[in-house]
Amino acid sequence: MTDVEGLAHIGIAVRDLAAAERAYLALGAQTLGREEVASEGVRVSFLSLGGVRIELLEPIDPDAEAGVARFLRERGGGVHHLAFDARDLTATLGTLGAAGIAPVGGGARSGAEGRTVAFLHPRDTGGVLLELCEVKR
């Protein structure tokens, strides 16, 4: 049993953050904040729409060889990941590791909103990149 709670947000890869924000704002979304996450090579915008948090992700360097930039080149814009809250990320990663599910990039790291996060590879999760976000206490 893990300490995973509900959906934290849906991550959407975009080429133009401002244009994507305009579309969601026109739908009635509320802006929650913007930041740059240099360790992941992205600028992000968090929005809330209908009780769902949305994270728009724009690559800092569109020519980067990895991450969101590569995702956009290979697949185009769209759903990049689903993120879930985890009460104890270390314990959750231990449980997943025992089940043969290893995090991408070796483990937990700093993410957006000052949270510790870890990503799980789509090959282990039915084809969807999953992010686990430690709940701030």
Protein backbone atom coordinates (compact mmCIF):
# COMPACT_ATOMS: atom_id res chain seq x y z
CA MET A 1 0.00 0.00 0.00
CA THR A 2 1.32 3.44 -0.91
CA ASP A 3 0.56 6.87 0.44
CA VAL A 4 -0.75 8.15 -2.89
CA GLU A 5 -3.73 10.46 -2.67
CA GLY A 6 -5.74 12.14 -5.41
CA LEU A 7 -4.85 13.79 -8.67
CA ALA A 8 -2.46 16.70 -8.17
CA HIS A 9 -2.60 18.01 -11.74
CA ILE A 10 -2.59 17.16 -15.43
CA GLY A 11 0.61 18.20 -17.23
CA ILE A 12 0.20 19.46 -20.78
CA ALA A 13 3.17 20.10 -23.08
CA VAL A 14 2.82 23.29 -25.15
CA ARG A 15 5.00 25.15 -27.60
CA ASP A 16 3.67 28.61 -26.63
CA LEU A 17 2.81 29.08 -22.96
CA ALA A 18 1.07 32.44 -23.42
CA ALA A 19 -1.17 31.16 -26.23
CA ALA A 20 -2.12 28.05 -24.26
CA GLU A 21 -2.89 30.16 -21.18
CA ARG A 22 -5.19 32.39 -23.24
CA ALA A 23 -7.18 29.35 -24.40
CA TYR A 24 -7.66 28.00 -20.87
CA LEU A 25 -8.46 31.44 -19.47
CA ALA A 26 -11.11 31.85 -22.18
CA LEU A 27 -12.64 28.60 -20.89
CA GLY A 28 -12.86 30.14 -17.42
CA ALA A 29 -9.66 28.85 -15.84
CA GLN A 30 -8.09 30.76 -12.96
CA THR A 31 -4.36 31.51 -12.95
CA LEU A 32 -2.54 29.99 -9.97
CA GLY A 33 1.01 31.02 -10.88
CA ARG A 34 3.95 30.79 -13.26
CA GLU A 35 7.51 29.70 -12.66
CA GLU A 36 10.61 28.37 -14.33
CA VAL A 37 11.84 24.94 -13.29
CA ALA A 38 15.40 25.00 -14.60
CA SER A 39 16.14 21.45 -13.43
CA GLU A 40 13.40 20.16 -15.76
CA GLY A 41 14.10 22.69 -18.53
CA VAL A 42 10.58 24.16 -18.50
CA ARG A 43 8.50 27.22 -17.82
CA VAL A 44 5.20 26.24 -16.22
CA SER A 45 1.86 27.86 -15.65
CA PHE A 46 -0.57 26.40 -13.13
CA LEU A 47 -4.27 26.91 -13.76
CA SER A 48 -7.46 25.69 -12.12
CA LEU A 49 -10.53 24.81 -14.15
CA GLY A 50 -13.59 23.06 -12.78
CA GLY A 51 -11.73 21.86 -9.71
CA VAL A 52 -8.88 20.37 -11.79
CA ARG A 53 -5.35 21.73 -11.65
CA ILE A 54 -3.60 22.00 -15.01
CA GLU A 55 0.14 22.46 -15.47
CA LEU A 56 1.12 23.90 -18.85
CA LEU A 57 4.75 23.08 -19.70
CA GLU A 58 6.81 25.02 -22.25
CA PRO A 59 10.45 24.05 -22.85
CA ILE A 60 13.03 26.71 -22.00
CA ASP A 61 15.12 25.46 -24.93
CA PRO A 62 12.96 23.99 -27.71
CA ASP A 63 16.05 22.29 -29.17
CA ALA A 64 16.95 20.42 -25.98
CA GLU A 65 17.57 16.71 -26.39
CA ALA A 66 15.34 15.56 -23.54
CA GLY A 67 12.24 16.29 -21.52
CA VAL A 68 9.34 18.37 -22.76
CA ALA A 69 11.29 19.68 -25.78
CA ARG A 70 11.86 16.13 -27.03
CA PHE A 71 8.25 15.20 -26.22
CA LEU A 72 6.98 18.08 -28.38
CA ARG A 73 9.26 17.13 -31.30
CA GLU A 74 8.26 13.47 -31.18
CA ARG A 75 4.57 13.68 -30.28
CA GLY A 76 3.47 17.29 -30.60
CA GLY A 77 1.62 19.17 -27.88
CA GLY A 78 -0.81 17.46 -25.56
CA VAL A 79 -1.09 15.53 -22.34
CA HIS A 80 2.44 14.96 -21.04
CA HIS A 81 1.78 13.41 -17.62
CA LEU A 82 -0.65 12.81 -14.79
CA ALA A 83 0.51 13.85 -11.33
CA PHE A 84 -0.65 12.43 -8.02
CA ASP A 85 -0.09 13.66 -4.47
CA ALA A 86 1.95 11.41 -2.19
CA ARG A 87 2.01 11.88 1.60
CA ASP A 88 5.43 10.19 1.95
CA LEU A 89 7.30 10.14 -1.35
CA THR A 90 10.25 8.17 0.02
CA ALA A 91 8.01 5.39 1.34
CA THR A 92 5.97 5.36 -1.87
CA LEU A 93 9.11 5.05 -4.00
CA GLY A 94 10.26 2.20 -1.75
CA THR A 95 6.99 0.34 -2.25
CA LEU A 96 7.14 0.90 -6.00
CA GLY A 97 10.78 -0.19 -6.15
CA ALA A 98 9.89 -3.44 -4.38
CA ALA A 99 7.30 -3.97 -7.12
CA GLY A 100 9.92 -3.41 -9.83
CA ILE A 101 8.83 0.12 -10.74
CA ALA A 102 11.80 2.49 -10.68
CA PRO A 103 11.57 6.26 -10.99
CA VAL A 104 12.91 7.99 -14.09
CA GLY A 105 16.22 9.73 -13.47
CA GLY A 106 17.05 7.78 -10.33
CA GLY A 107 14.63 9.19 -7.81
CA ALA A 108 13.13 12.22 -6.18
CA ARG A 109 14.13 15.75 -7.09
CA SER A 110 12.96 19.35 -6.77
CA GLY A 111 9.97 20.27 -8.90
CA ALA A 112 7.52 23.10 -9.41
CA GLU A 113 5.97 24.90 -6.45
CA GLY A 114 8.91 23.89 -4.25
CA ARG A 115 7.67 20.30 -4.06
CA THR A 116 9.75 17.14 -4.16
CA VAL A 117 8.69 15.02 -7.13
CA ALA A 118 9.50 11.77 -8.90
CA PHE A 119 8.45 10.50 -12.31
CA LEU A 120 7.53 6.91 -13.21
CA HIS A 121 8.36 5.63 -16.69
CA PRO A 122 5.44 4.98 -19.06
CA ARG A 123 6.71 1.46 -19.79
CA ASP A 124 5.81 0.58 -16.19
CA THR A 125 2.53 2.51 -15.99
CA GLY A 126 0.46 1.51 -18.98
CA GLY A 127 1.98 4.02 -21.36
CA VAL A 128 1.45 7.17 -19.27
CA LEU A 129 4.20 9.20 -17.60
CA LEU A 130 3.21 9.57 -13.95
CA GLU A 131 4.52 12.19 -11.55
CA LEU A 132 4.36 11.79 -7.77
CA CYS A 133 4.36 15.07 -5.83
CA GLU A 134 5.11 15.04 -2.13
CA VAL A 135 2.41 16.80 -0.17
CA LYS A 136 3.72 19.89 1.59
CA ARG A 137 3.29 19.71 5.32
